[in-house]
Amino acid sequence: MENIEKTVHWLGHAAFRLESPAGTAVYIDPYNLKEQSKKADIVLITHAHFDHFSPADINKVVKAGTKLFGPEALAGKVQGDFTALKPGDRAEAAGVAVEAVSAYNTDKNFHPKASGFLGYVVDVGELRIYHAGDTDLIDEMKTVKADVALLPVGGTYTMDARDACDAAIAVKPKVAVPMHYGSVVGSKEDAIRFQNLCGACEVKILEQEK
C-alpha cells in the first residue's frame, strides 16, 4: 500500500495522528509530544495509563470543538467534550467513524478485560485503520476488519513481535505497523523482528515524526 505515510503519522510509542484527505486530524494516545502544528478534531484514548492518557499532551493538540473519546473508566477525568465508550460502541465526529473494540491481557494483569480498555477502528478517508491499544492476542481480533493495523510489539505489557504476527493473521490487514516500542518498553529491534517474522501482510516501520 503506497502513501500510507500521508494518512498515518507515528508520534512515538503508541501515539499516532491520522489525517483524512479532507484534513481531519485524529490523535490516538498523544504522549510525550513535541508541539503540534496540526490540532485535533478528535482525540481517542485507549486507557488510563500515563503513557496513553496524558492530559499535558492532550492539551497540546486540542482546540475549540475537539471531540474526545475513551473508556468509561476515564469519565470525569478528561477535560473537554468527552464521550465514554465501551467495546462495541460506535461514534462519529468531524465526518470520521470510530468503533471501540476490546483490548486486554490474557496472561498478565496490566490490562484486565474487566477494565474495559479499548482499541479503535477508525475510518479515515478510504482507509480503515485499527489501533490495537495495549493488548495481547485476543479472539476479538478475528472480527476486526481493517486495511491498516497498528500493533504493539514491545512485549512486557502487550503482545511481543511473534504474537503480533498472529494478530496480523487474525485481522488480515493489507499493512501492519509496529508500535509500543522505543520509549517505555521495547526497541526498534522488536519492530524489525516483527517485520522479519510477519508473512501475513506488508509491514511498514514508520519513522517517528519529528
N, C-alpha and C. Protein backbone atom coordinates (compact mmCIF):
# COMPACT_ATOMS: atom_id res chain seq x y z
N MET A 1 0.85 -1.20 0.00
CA MET A 1 0.00 0.00 0.00
C MET A 1 0.89 1.24 0.00
N GLU A 2 0.71 2.08 -0.99
CA GLU A 2 1.55 3.27 -1.12
C GLU A 2 0.97 4.45 -0.34
N ASN A 3 1.87 5.33 0.04
CA ASN A 3 1.49 6.61 0.64
C ASN A 3 0.73 6.49 1.95
N ILE A 4 0.93 5.39 2.66
CA ILE A 4 0.30 5.28 3.97
C ILE A 4 0.78 6.40 4.89
N GLU A 5 2.02 6.88 4.65
CA GLU A 5 2.58 7.94 5.50
C GLU A 5 1.82 9.25 5.38
N LYS A 6 1.03 9.42 4.31
CA LYS A 6 0.21 10.64 4.19
C LYS A 6 -0.96 10.63 5.17
N THR A 7 -1.36 9.43 5.58
CA THR A 7 -2.51 9.28 6.47
C THR A 7 -2.10 8.95 7.89
N VAL A 8 -1.09 8.09 8.06
CA VAL A 8 -0.70 7.56 9.37
C VAL A 8 0.64 8.15 9.77
N HIS A 9 0.63 8.92 10.84
CA HIS A 9 1.85 9.57 11.34
C HIS A 9 2.15 9.03 12.73
N TRP A 10 3.29 8.37 12.87
CA TRP A 10 3.69 7.82 14.17
C TRP A 10 4.41 8.90 14.97
N LEU A 11 3.93 9.14 16.18
CA LEU A 11 4.47 10.20 17.03
C LEU A 11 5.32 9.64 18.17
N GLY A 12 5.63 8.35 18.09
CA GLY A 12 6.40 7.68 19.12
C GLY A 12 5.50 6.85 20.03
N HIS A 13 6.05 5.76 20.55
CA HIS A 13 5.35 4.86 21.46
C HIS A 13 4.06 4.35 20.82
N ALA A 14 2.91 4.64 21.42
CA ALA A 14 1.63 4.22 20.83
C ALA A 14 0.83 5.41 20.31
N ALA A 15 1.48 6.55 20.16
CA ALA A 15 0.81 7.78 19.74
C ALA A 15 0.84 7.93 18.22
N PHE A 16 -0.31 8.28 17.67
CA PHE A 16 -0.44 8.49 16.23
C PHE A 16 -1.31 9.70 15.95
N ARG A 17 -1.08 10.29 14.79
CA ARG A 17 -2.01 11.26 14.22
C ARG A 17 -2.46 10.71 12.87
N LEU A 18 -3.75 10.54 12.70
CA LEU A 18 -4.32 10.11 11.44
C LEU A 18 -4.92 11.33 10.75
N GLU A 19 -4.65 11.48 9.47
CA GLU A 19 -5.16 12.64 8.74
C GLU A 19 -5.98 12.17 7.54
N SER A 20 -7.22 12.65 7.47
CA SER A 20 -8.08 12.31 6.34
C SER A 20 -7.74 13.19 5.15
N PRO A 21 -8.14 12.78 3.94
CA PRO A 21 -7.91 13.63 2.76
C PRO A 21 -8.55 15.01 2.91
N ALA A 22 -9.60 15.11 3.74
CA ALA A 22 -10.26 16.39 3.95
C ALA A 22 -9.55 17.24 5.00
N GLY A 23 -8.51 16.69 5.61
CA GLY A 23 -7.73 17.45 6.58
C GLY A 23 -8.12 17.22 8.03
N THR A 24 -9.06 16.32 8.27
CA THR A 24 -9.44 16.00 9.65
C THR A 24 -8.29 15.28 10.34
N ALA A 25 -8.01 15.69 11.58
CA ALA A 25 -6.90 15.10 12.34
C ALA A 25 -7.43 14.33 13.54
N VAL A 26 -7.04 13.06 13.61
CA VAL A 26 -7.42 12.18 14.72
C VAL A 26 -6.15 11.80 15.46
N TYR A 27 -6.05 12.19 16.71
CA TYR A 27 -4.92 11.79 17.55
C TYR A 27 -5.32 10.60 18.41
N ILE A 28 -4.44 9.62 18.49
CA ILE A 28 -4.65 8.46 19.34
C ILE A 28 -3.54 8.41 20.38
N ASP A 29 -3.92 8.38 21.64
CA ASP A 29 -2.98 8.27 22.77
C ASP A 29 -1.81 9.25 22.67
N PRO A 30 -2.08 10.55 22.51
CA PRO A 30 -0.95 11.50 22.44
C PRO A 30 -0.13 11.46 23.71
N TYR A 31 1.20 11.30 23.54
CA TYR A 31 2.10 11.13 24.69
C TYR A 31 3.49 11.61 24.32
N ASN A 32 4.07 12.40 25.21
CA ASN A 32 5.45 12.86 25.03
C ASN A 32 5.63 13.58 23.70
N LEU A 33 4.66 14.42 23.37
CA LEU A 33 4.64 15.08 22.07
C LEU A 33 5.49 16.34 22.06
N LYS A 34 6.06 16.61 20.91
CA LYS A 34 6.54 17.94 20.60
C LYS A 34 5.32 18.78 20.22
N GLU A 35 5.48 20.08 20.15
CA GLU A 35 4.35 20.92 19.76
C GLU A 35 3.85 20.50 18.38
N GLN A 36 2.55 20.45 18.24
CA GLN A 36 1.94 20.00 17.00
C GLN A 36 1.28 21.19 16.30
N SER A 37 1.64 21.38 15.04
CA SER A 37 1.02 22.46 14.28
C SER A 37 -0.40 22.09 13.85
N LYS A 38 -0.66 20.80 13.75
CA LYS A 38 -1.98 20.32 13.35
C LYS A 38 -2.79 19.99 14.60
N LYS A 39 -3.84 20.72 14.85
CA LYS A 39 -4.66 20.48 16.02
C LYS A 39 -5.68 19.37 15.77
N ALA A 40 -6.19 18.81 16.85
CA ALA A 40 -7.03 17.62 16.78
C ALA A 40 -8.50 17.97 16.58
N ASP A 41 -9.13 17.30 15.64
CA ASP A 41 -10.58 17.29 15.57
C ASP A 41 -11.14 16.22 16.52
N ILE A 42 -10.38 15.13 16.66
CA ILE A 42 -10.78 14.01 17.51
C ILE A 42 -9.55 13.54 18.28
N VAL A 43 -9.73 13.21 19.56
CA VAL A 43 -8.70 12.54 20.35
C VAL A 43 -9.29 11.24 20.88
N LEU A 44 -8.59 10.14 20.63
CA LEU A 44 -9.01 8.82 21.11
C LEU A 44 -8.01 8.35 22.16
N ILE A 45 -8.52 7.95 23.32
CA ILE A 45 -7.69 7.48 24.42
C ILE A 45 -8.02 6.02 24.66
N THR A 46 -7.00 5.17 24.66
CA THR A 46 -7.26 3.73 24.81
C THR A 46 -7.47 3.31 26.25
N HIS A 47 -6.73 3.94 27.18
CA HIS A 47 -6.89 3.58 28.60
C HIS A 47 -6.14 4.58 29.46
N ALA A 48 -6.22 4.38 30.78
CA ALA A 48 -5.83 5.42 31.73
C ALA A 48 -4.35 5.44 32.08
N HIS A 49 -3.54 4.51 31.62
CA HIS A 49 -2.12 4.51 32.00
C HIS A 49 -1.43 5.76 31.46
N PHE A 50 -0.42 6.23 32.18
CA PHE A 50 0.17 7.55 31.94
C PHE A 50 0.70 7.73 30.52
N ASP A 51 1.16 6.63 29.91
CA ASP A 51 1.74 6.72 28.58
C ASP A 51 0.68 6.64 27.47
N HIS A 52 -0.58 6.67 27.87
CA HIS A 52 -1.69 6.66 26.91
C HIS A 52 -2.69 7.78 27.20
N PHE A 53 -2.89 8.06 28.48
CA PHE A 53 -3.73 9.18 28.88
C PHE A 53 -2.83 10.21 29.55
N SER A 54 -2.43 11.20 28.76
CA SER A 54 -1.53 12.26 29.23
C SER A 54 -2.23 13.60 29.05
N PRO A 55 -2.86 14.14 30.10
CA PRO A 55 -3.56 15.42 29.96
C PRO A 55 -2.67 16.52 29.40
N ALA A 56 -1.39 16.54 29.79
CA ALA A 56 -0.50 17.59 29.28
C ALA A 56 -0.34 17.51 27.77
N ASP A 57 -0.27 16.29 27.25
CA ASP A 57 -0.12 16.14 25.80
C ASP A 57 -1.44 16.36 25.08
N ILE A 58 -2.53 15.96 25.69
CA ILE A 58 -3.84 16.26 25.10
C ILE A 58 -4.01 17.76 24.95
N ASN A 59 -3.57 18.51 25.96
CA ASN A 59 -3.70 19.97 25.91
C ASN A 59 -2.89 20.59 24.77
N LYS A 60 -1.86 19.90 24.31
CA LYS A 60 -1.06 20.42 23.19
C LYS A 60 -1.79 20.34 21.86
N VAL A 61 -2.81 19.49 21.77
CA VAL A 61 -3.43 19.26 20.47
C VAL A 61 -4.91 19.67 20.40
N VAL A 62 -5.56 19.87 21.55
CA VAL A 62 -6.99 20.20 21.49
C VAL A 62 -7.20 21.64 21.03
N LYS A 63 -8.36 21.87 20.51
CA LYS A 63 -8.80 23.20 20.09
C LYS A 63 -10.28 23.30 20.42
N ALA A 64 -10.87 24.44 20.18
CA ALA A 64 -12.31 24.57 20.37
C ALA A 64 -13.03 23.59 19.45
N GLY A 65 -13.88 22.78 20.02
CA GLY A 65 -14.63 21.82 19.21
C GLY A 65 -14.04 20.44 19.12
N THR A 66 -12.86 20.20 19.69
CA THR A 66 -12.27 18.87 19.67
C THR A 66 -13.15 17.89 20.44
N LYS A 67 -13.42 16.75 19.83
CA LYS A 67 -14.19 15.69 20.48
C LYS A 67 -13.21 14.66 21.04
N LEU A 68 -13.43 14.25 22.29
CA LEU A 68 -12.56 13.28 22.93
C LEU A 68 -13.37 12.03 23.29
N PHE A 69 -12.75 10.87 23.08
CA PHE A 69 -13.39 9.59 23.37
C PHE A 69 -12.42 8.72 24.15
N GLY A 70 -12.96 7.89 25.03
CA GLY A 70 -12.13 6.99 25.80
C GLY A 70 -12.98 6.02 26.59
N PRO A 71 -12.35 5.12 27.34
CA PRO A 71 -13.10 4.13 28.10
C PRO A 71 -13.88 4.76 29.25
N GLU A 72 -14.86 4.02 29.74
CA GLU A 72 -15.74 4.52 30.79
C GLU A 72 -14.96 4.87 32.06
N ALA A 73 -13.82 4.21 32.29
CA ALA A 73 -13.01 4.48 33.48
C ALA A 73 -12.49 5.91 33.51
N LEU A 74 -12.48 6.60 32.37
CA LEU A 74 -11.96 7.97 32.31
C LEU A 74 -13.06 9.02 32.44
N ALA A 75 -14.30 8.61 32.59
CA ALA A 75 -15.39 9.57 32.75
C ALA A 75 -15.12 10.44 33.98
N GLY A 76 -15.21 11.75 33.80
CA GLY A 76 -14.95 12.68 34.88
C GLY A 76 -13.49 13.06 35.04
N LYS A 77 -12.60 12.41 34.28
CA LYS A 77 -11.16 12.68 34.40
C LYS A 77 -10.60 13.43 33.20
N VAL A 78 -11.38 13.54 32.14
CA VAL A 78 -10.92 14.17 30.91
C VAL A 78 -11.59 15.53 30.77
N GLN A 79 -10.80 16.57 30.61
CA GLN A 79 -11.36 17.90 30.40
C GLN A 79 -11.78 18.05 28.94
N GLY A 80 -12.90 18.71 28.72
CA GLY A 80 -13.36 18.94 27.36
C GLY A 80 -14.59 18.13 27.03
N ASP A 81 -14.89 18.04 25.75
CA ASP A 81 -16.08 17.37 25.25
C ASP A 81 -15.80 15.87 25.14
N PHE A 82 -15.99 15.15 26.25
CA PHE A 82 -15.60 13.74 26.33
C PHE A 82 -16.82 12.84 26.30
N THR A 83 -16.69 11.75 25.53
CA THR A 83 -17.71 10.72 25.47
C THR A 83 -17.08 9.39 25.83
N ALA A 84 -17.65 8.70 26.80
CA ALA A 84 -17.15 7.39 27.22
C ALA A 84 -17.70 6.31 26.29
N LEU A 85 -16.83 5.37 25.94
CA LEU A 85 -17.21 4.26 25.08
C LEU A 85 -16.85 2.94 25.74
N LYS A 86 -17.53 1.88 25.33
CA LYS A 86 -17.17 0.54 25.73
C LYS A 86 -17.03 -0.30 24.46
N PRO A 87 -16.36 -1.46 24.55
CA PRO A 87 -16.18 -2.27 23.34
C PRO A 87 -17.51 -2.53 22.63
N GLY A 88 -17.49 -2.30 21.33
CA GLY A 88 -18.69 -2.47 20.51
C GLY A 88 -19.41 -1.17 20.21
N ASP A 89 -19.12 -0.11 20.97
CA ASP A 89 -19.75 1.18 20.71
C ASP A 89 -19.19 1.83 19.44
N ARG A 90 -20.03 2.61 18.80
CA ARG A 90 -19.64 3.36 17.61
C ARG A 90 -19.95 4.83 17.82
N ALA A 91 -19.15 5.66 17.18
CA ALA A 91 -19.36 7.10 17.27
C ALA A 91 -18.92 7.73 15.96
N GLU A 92 -19.34 8.97 15.76
CA GLU A 92 -18.90 9.71 14.57
C GLU A 92 -18.69 11.16 14.97
N ALA A 93 -17.62 11.74 14.47
CA ALA A 93 -17.33 13.15 14.71
C ALA A 93 -16.49 13.66 13.56
N ALA A 94 -16.71 14.89 13.17
CA ALA A 94 -15.95 15.54 12.09
C ALA A 94 -15.88 14.68 10.83
N GLY A 95 -16.96 13.93 10.58
CA GLY A 95 -17.02 13.10 9.38
C GLY A 95 -16.22 11.81 9.46
N VAL A 96 -15.73 11.48 10.65
CA VAL A 96 -14.92 10.27 10.85
C VAL A 96 -15.69 9.29 11.72
N ALA A 97 -15.80 8.04 11.25
CA ALA A 97 -16.48 7.00 12.02
C ALA A 97 -15.46 6.27 12.89
N VAL A 98 -15.84 6.03 14.13
CA VAL A 98 -14.97 5.39 15.12
C VAL A 98 -15.72 4.22 15.73
N GLU A 99 -15.05 3.08 15.85
CA GLU A 99 -15.60 1.94 16.56
C GLU A 99 -14.64 1.55 17.69
N ALA A 100 -15.16 1.40 18.90
CA ALA A 100 -14.35 0.95 20.03
C ALA A 100 -14.34 -0.58 20.05
N VAL A 101 -13.16 -1.16 20.26
CA VAL A 101 -13.02 -2.62 20.30
C VAL A 101 -12.24 -3.01 21.56
N SER A 102 -12.28 -4.27 21.88
CA SER A 102 -11.64 -4.77 23.09
C SER A 102 -10.12 -4.73 23.00
N ALA A 103 -9.49 -4.49 24.15
CA ALA A 103 -8.04 -4.56 24.28
C ALA A 103 -7.75 -5.01 25.71
N TYR A 104 -7.06 -6.14 25.87
CA TYR A 104 -6.80 -6.64 27.22
C TYR A 104 -5.70 -7.69 27.20
N ASN A 105 -5.17 -7.97 28.38
CA ASN A 105 -4.17 -9.02 28.56
C ASN A 105 -4.84 -10.36 28.83
N THR A 106 -4.19 -11.42 28.36
CA THR A 106 -4.70 -12.77 28.59
C THR A 106 -3.86 -13.54 29.60
N ASP A 107 -2.60 -13.16 29.76
CA ASP A 107 -1.72 -13.92 30.66
C ASP A 107 -0.91 -13.02 31.59
N LYS A 108 -1.39 -11.78 31.77
CA LYS A 108 -0.77 -10.83 32.67
C LYS A 108 -1.86 -9.88 33.17
N ASN A 109 -1.54 -9.10 34.19
CA ASN A 109 -2.60 -8.36 34.87
C ASN A 109 -2.55 -6.85 34.67
N PHE A 110 -1.80 -6.38 33.68
CA PHE A 110 -1.68 -4.95 33.48
C PHE A 110 -2.95 -4.33 32.90
N HIS A 111 -3.63 -5.10 32.05
CA HIS A 111 -4.81 -4.60 31.34
C HIS A 111 -5.92 -5.66 31.40
N PRO A 112 -6.60 -5.76 32.54
CA PRO A 112 -7.64 -6.79 32.68
C PRO A 112 -8.82 -6.53 31.75
N LYS A 113 -9.41 -7.59 31.29
CA LYS A 113 -10.58 -7.44 30.40
C LYS A 113 -11.70 -6.66 31.09
N ALA A 114 -11.86 -6.88 32.39
CA ALA A 114 -12.94 -6.22 33.13
C ALA A 114 -12.79 -4.71 33.19
N SER A 115 -11.60 -4.20 32.91
CA SER A 115 -11.38 -2.75 32.99
C SER A 115 -11.99 -1.98 31.82
N GLY A 116 -12.34 -2.70 30.76
CA GLY A 116 -12.98 -2.03 29.63
C GLY A 116 -12.06 -1.16 28.81
N PHE A 117 -10.75 -1.48 28.81
CA PHE A 117 -9.81 -0.72 27.99
C PHE A 117 -10.11 -0.96 26.51
N LEU A 118 -9.63 -0.05 25.67
CA LEU A 118 -10.08 -0.03 24.28
C LEU A 118 -8.95 -0.07 23.26
N GLY A 119 -9.28 -0.61 22.12
CA GLY A 119 -8.62 -0.31 20.86
C GLY A 119 -9.66 0.40 20.01
N TYR A 120 -9.26 0.83 18.82
CA TYR A 120 -10.19 1.56 17.95
C TYR A 120 -10.03 1.14 16.50
N VAL A 121 -11.14 1.16 15.78
CA VAL A 121 -11.13 1.07 14.32
C VAL A 121 -11.67 2.40 13.81
N VAL A 122 -10.88 3.07 12.99
CA VAL A 122 -11.19 4.43 12.55
C VAL A 122 -11.23 4.46 11.03
N ASP A 123 -12.30 4.98 10.47
CA ASP A 123 -12.40 5.16 9.03
C ASP A 123 -11.89 6.54 8.66
N VAL A 124 -10.76 6.58 7.99
CA VAL A 124 -10.11 7.84 7.61
C VAL A 124 -10.02 7.86 6.09
N GLY A 125 -10.89 8.65 5.46
CA GLY A 125 -10.94 8.61 4.01
C GLY A 125 -11.33 7.21 3.55
N GLU A 126 -10.52 6.65 2.66
CA GLU A 126 -10.81 5.31 2.17
C GLU A 126 -10.10 4.23 2.98
N LEU A 127 -9.36 4.62 4.00
CA LEU A 127 -8.62 3.66 4.81
C LEU A 127 -9.35 3.37 6.11
N ARG A 128 -9.39 2.10 6.46
CA ARG A 128 -9.92 1.66 7.75
C ARG A 128 -8.73 1.22 8.59
N ILE A 129 -8.51 1.92 9.71
CA ILE A 129 -7.29 1.77 10.49
C ILE A 129 -7.62 1.25 11.88
N TYR A 130 -6.93 0.19 12.28
CA TYR A 130 -7.12 -0.45 13.58
C TYR A 130 -5.93 -0.12 14.47
N HIS A 131 -6.20 0.56 15.58
CA HIS A 131 -5.20 0.78 16.63
C HIS A 131 -5.54 -0.20 17.75
N ALA A 132 -4.66 -1.16 17.98
CA ALA A 132 -5.00 -2.29 18.85
C ALA A 132 -5.01 -1.93 20.33
N GLY A 133 -4.42 -0.77 20.72
CA GLY A 133 -4.31 -0.46 22.13
C GLY A 133 -3.31 -1.37 22.81
N ASP A 134 -3.33 -1.35 24.14
CA ASP A 134 -2.44 -2.23 24.91
C ASP A 134 -3.13 -3.57 25.10
N THR A 135 -2.70 -4.54 24.33
CA THR A 135 -3.44 -5.80 24.29
C THR A 135 -2.51 -6.97 24.02
N ASP A 136 -2.98 -8.14 24.40
CA ASP A 136 -2.39 -9.38 23.94
C ASP A 136 -3.16 -9.85 22.71
N LEU A 137 -2.78 -10.98 22.18
CA LEU A 137 -3.53 -11.61 21.10
C LEU A 137 -4.86 -12.09 21.68
N ILE A 138 -5.97 -11.58 21.16
CA ILE A 138 -7.28 -11.91 21.71
C ILE A 138 -8.22 -12.37 20.59
N ASP A 139 -9.21 -13.16 20.98
CA ASP A 139 -10.13 -13.73 19.99
C ASP A 139 -10.90 -12.65 19.23
N GLU A 140 -11.18 -11.54 19.89
CA GLU A 140 -11.96 -10.47 19.25
C GLU A 140 -11.28 -9.92 18.00
N MET A 141 -9.98 -10.11 17.88
CA MET A 141 -9.29 -9.61 16.68
C MET A 141 -9.80 -10.26 15.40
N LYS A 142 -10.36 -11.45 15.52
CA LYS A 142 -10.85 -12.15 14.33
C LYS A 142 -12.04 -11.44 13.70
N THR A 143 -12.70 -10.57 14.47
CA THR A 143 -13.86 -9.84 13.94
C THR A 143 -13.50 -8.45 13.43
N VAL A 144 -12.24 -8.03 13.63
CA VAL A 144 -11.81 -6.70 13.19
C VAL A 144 -11.50 -6.73 11.70
N LYS A 145 -12.03 -5.78 10.98
CA LYS A 145 -11.74 -5.63 9.55
C LYS A 145 -11.03 -4.30 9.36
N ALA A 146 -9.83 -4.33 8.82
CA ALA A 146 -9.06 -3.09 8.66
C ALA A 146 -8.07 -3.23 7.52
N ASP A 147 -7.78 -2.10 6.89
CA ASP A 147 -6.74 -2.06 5.86
C ASP A 147 -5.36 -1.94 6.49
N VAL A 148 -5.29 -1.21 7.61
CA VAL A 148 -4.02 -0.95 8.30
C VAL A 148 -4.20 -1.33 9.76
N ALA A 149 -3.27 -2.10 10.30
CA ALA A 149 -3.31 -2.49 11.71
C ALA A 149 -2.08 -1.95 12.42
N LEU A 150 -2.30 -1.16 13.46
CA LEU A 150 -1.23 -0.63 14.30
C LEU A 150 -1.13 -1.55 15.51
N LEU A 151 -0.04 -2.32 15.58
CA LEU A 151 0.04 -3.43 16.53
C LEU A 151 1.20 -3.26 17.49
N PRO A 152 0.97 -3.42 18.81
CA PRO A 152 2.08 -3.35 19.76
C PRO A 152 3.00 -4.56 19.62
N VAL A 153 4.30 -4.31 19.74
CA VAL A 153 5.30 -5.38 19.57
C VAL A 153 6.31 -5.42 20.70
N GLY A 154 6.21 -4.51 21.66
CA GLY A 154 7.27 -4.35 22.66
C GLY A 154 7.31 -5.38 23.76
N GLY A 155 6.24 -6.19 23.90
CA GLY A 155 6.21 -7.18 24.96
C GLY A 155 6.04 -6.55 26.33
N THR A 156 6.25 -7.35 27.37
CA THR A 156 6.10 -6.97 28.78
C THR A 156 4.65 -6.65 29.13
N TYR A 157 4.11 -5.56 28.60
CA TYR A 157 2.74 -5.13 28.91
C TYR A 157 1.75 -5.51 27.81
N THR A 158 2.26 -5.91 26.66
CA THR A 158 1.43 -6.16 25.48
C THR A 158 1.97 -7.38 24.73
N MET A 159 1.45 -7.58 23.55
CA MET A 159 2.00 -8.59 22.65
C MET A 159 3.47 -8.32 22.38
N ASP A 160 4.19 -9.39 22.08
CA ASP A 160 5.54 -9.24 21.54
C ASP A 160 5.46 -9.41 20.02
N ALA A 161 6.59 -9.41 19.37
CA ALA A 161 6.62 -9.44 17.90
C ALA A 161 5.96 -10.70 17.35
N ARG A 162 6.20 -11.85 18.00
CA ARG A 162 5.63 -13.10 17.48
C ARG A 162 4.11 -13.10 17.61
N ASP A 163 3.60 -12.68 18.77
CA ASP A 163 2.14 -12.62 18.92
C ASP A 163 1.52 -11.59 17.99
N ALA A 164 2.25 -10.50 17.72
CA ALA A 164 1.74 -9.50 16.77
C ALA A 164 1.60 -10.10 15.38
N CYS A 165 2.47 -11.03 15.03
CA CYS A 165 2.32 -11.72 13.74
C CYS A 165 1.02 -12.52 13.70
N ASP A 166 0.68 -13.18 14.81
CA ASP A 166 -0.58 -13.91 14.86
C ASP A 166 -1.77 -12.95 14.82
N ALA A 167 -1.60 -11.77 15.41
CA ALA A 167 -2.65 -10.76 15.33
C ALA A 167 -2.87 -10.32 13.88
N ALA A 168 -1.79 -10.18 13.13
CA ALA A 168 -1.91 -9.82 11.72
C ALA A 168 -2.63 -10.91 10.93
N ILE A 169 -2.37 -12.16 11.28
CA ILE A 169 -3.08 -13.26 10.63
C ILE A 169 -4.58 -13.17 10.93
N ALA A 170 -4.92 -12.81 12.17
CA ALA A 170 -6.33 -12.73 12.57
C ALA A 170 -7.05 -11.57 11.89
N VAL A 171 -6.40 -10.41 11.83
CA VAL A 171 -7.04 -9.20 11.31
C VAL A 171 -7.01 -9.14 9.78
N LYS A 172 -5.94 -9.68 9.20
CA LYS A 172 -5.77 -9.68 7.75
C LYS A 172 -5.71 -8.27 7.14
N PRO A 173 -4.92 -7.37 7.69
CA PRO A 173 -4.79 -6.05 7.07
C PRO A 173 -3.92 -6.14 5.82
N LYS A 174 -3.96 -5.10 5.02
CA LYS A 174 -3.01 -5.02 3.90
C LYS A 174 -1.63 -4.63 4.41
N VAL A 175 -1.61 -3.77 5.44
CA VAL A 175 -0.35 -3.29 6.01
C VAL A 175 -0.46 -3.33 7.54
N ALA A 176 0.61 -3.78 8.18
CA ALA A 176 0.72 -3.69 9.64
C ALA A 176 1.86 -2.75 10.00
N VAL A 177 1.63 -1.96 11.03
CA VAL A 177 2.62 -1.00 11.52
C VAL A 177 2.94 -1.33 12.98
N PRO A 178 4.19 -1.63 13.31
CA PRO A 178 4.52 -1.90 14.71
C PRO A 178 4.51 -0.62 15.54
N MET A 179 4.13 -0.77 16.82
CA MET A 179 4.09 0.36 17.75
C MET A 179 4.40 -0.15 19.15
N HIS A 180 4.32 0.76 20.11
CA HIS A 180 4.56 0.46 21.53
C HIS A 180 5.97 -0.10 21.73
N TYR A 181 6.92 0.66 21.22
CA TYR A 181 8.34 0.35 21.42
C TYR A 181 9.12 1.65 21.36
N GLY A 182 10.35 1.60 21.87
CA GLY A 182 11.25 2.73 21.74
C GLY A 182 11.12 3.80 22.79
N SER A 183 10.20 3.62 23.74
CA SER A 183 10.03 4.63 24.78
C SER A 183 9.93 3.94 26.13
N VAL A 184 8.75 3.56 26.53
CA VAL A 184 8.54 2.93 27.84
C VAL A 184 9.10 1.52 27.86
N VAL A 185 8.93 0.81 26.77
CA VAL A 185 9.38 -0.58 26.68
C VAL A 185 9.66 -0.91 25.23
N GLY A 186 10.55 -1.88 25.00
CA GLY A 186 10.82 -2.33 23.64
C GLY A 186 11.77 -1.41 22.90
N SER A 187 12.22 -1.88 21.75
CA SER A 187 13.18 -1.14 20.94
C SER A 187 12.87 -1.36 19.46
N LYS A 188 13.59 -0.66 18.62
CA LYS A 188 13.37 -0.83 17.18
C LYS A 188 13.67 -2.25 16.74
N GLU A 189 14.52 -2.95 17.49
CA GLU A 189 14.79 -4.35 17.16
C GLU A 189 13.51 -5.18 17.22
N ASP A 190 12.61 -4.83 18.15
CA ASP A 190 11.32 -5.54 18.21
C ASP A 190 10.51 -5.30 16.94
N ALA A 191 10.54 -4.06 16.45
CA ALA A 191 9.82 -3.75 15.21
C ALA A 191 10.43 -4.51 14.03
N ILE A 192 11.74 -4.57 13.98
CA ILE A 192 12.42 -5.28 12.89
C ILE A 192 12.13 -6.78 12.98
N ARG A 193 12.12 -7.31 14.19
CA ARG A 193 11.79 -8.74 14.37
C ARG A 193 10.38 -9.01 13.86
N PHE A 194 9.44 -8.13 14.19
CA PHE A 194 8.07 -8.29 13.70
C PHE A 194 8.05 -8.26 12.17
N GLN A 195 8.76 -7.33 11.58
CA GLN A 195 8.81 -7.23 10.13
C GLN A 195 9.38 -8.50 9.51
N ASN A 196 10.40 -9.07 10.12
CA ASN A 196 11.04 -10.26 9.58
C ASN A 196 10.18 -11.51 9.76
N LEU A 197 9.40 -11.54 10.84
CA LEU A 197 8.59 -12.73 11.13
C LEU A 197 7.25 -12.74 10.42
N CYS A 198 6.69 -11.57 10.18
CA CYS A 198 5.31 -11.48 9.72
C CYS A 198 5.20 -11.72 8.22
N GLY A 199 4.55 -12.81 7.88
CA GLY A 199 4.33 -13.11 6.47
C GLY A 199 2.89 -12.89 6.04
N ALA A 200 2.05 -12.42 6.96
CA ALA A 200 0.63 -12.31 6.66
C ALA A 200 0.29 -11.08 5.83
N CYS A 201 1.16 -10.06 5.88
CA CYS A 201 0.87 -8.82 5.18
C CYS A 201 2.17 -8.02 5.08
N GLU A 202 2.09 -6.91 4.37
CA GLU A 202 3.21 -5.99 4.34
C GLU A 202 3.38 -5.33 5.70
N VAL A 203 4.62 -5.17 6.15
CA VAL A 203 4.91 -4.48 7.40
C VAL A 203 5.70 -3.22 7.08
N LYS A 204 5.20 -2.08 7.57
CA LYS A 204 5.91 -0.82 7.42
C LYS A 204 6.35 -0.33 8.79
N ILE A 205 7.66 -0.11 8.95
CA ILE A 205 8.18 0.51 10.16
C ILE A 205 8.25 2.00 9.89
N LEU A 206 7.39 2.76 10.53
CA LEU A 206 7.33 4.19 10.29
C LEU A 206 8.41 4.91 11.09
N GLU A 207 8.94 5.95 10.52
CA GLU A 207 9.85 6.82 11.24
C GLU A 207 9.03 7.74 12.14
N GLN A 208 9.52 7.95 13.35
CA GLN A 208 8.83 8.84 14.26
C GLN A 208 8.84 10.24 13.71
N GLU A 209 7.67 10.88 13.68
CA GLU A 209 7.60 12.25 13.17
C GLU A 209 8.36 13.18 14.08
N LYS A 210 9.15 14.04 13.48
CA LYS A 210 9.97 14.98 14.26
C LYS A 210 9.15 16.18 14.69
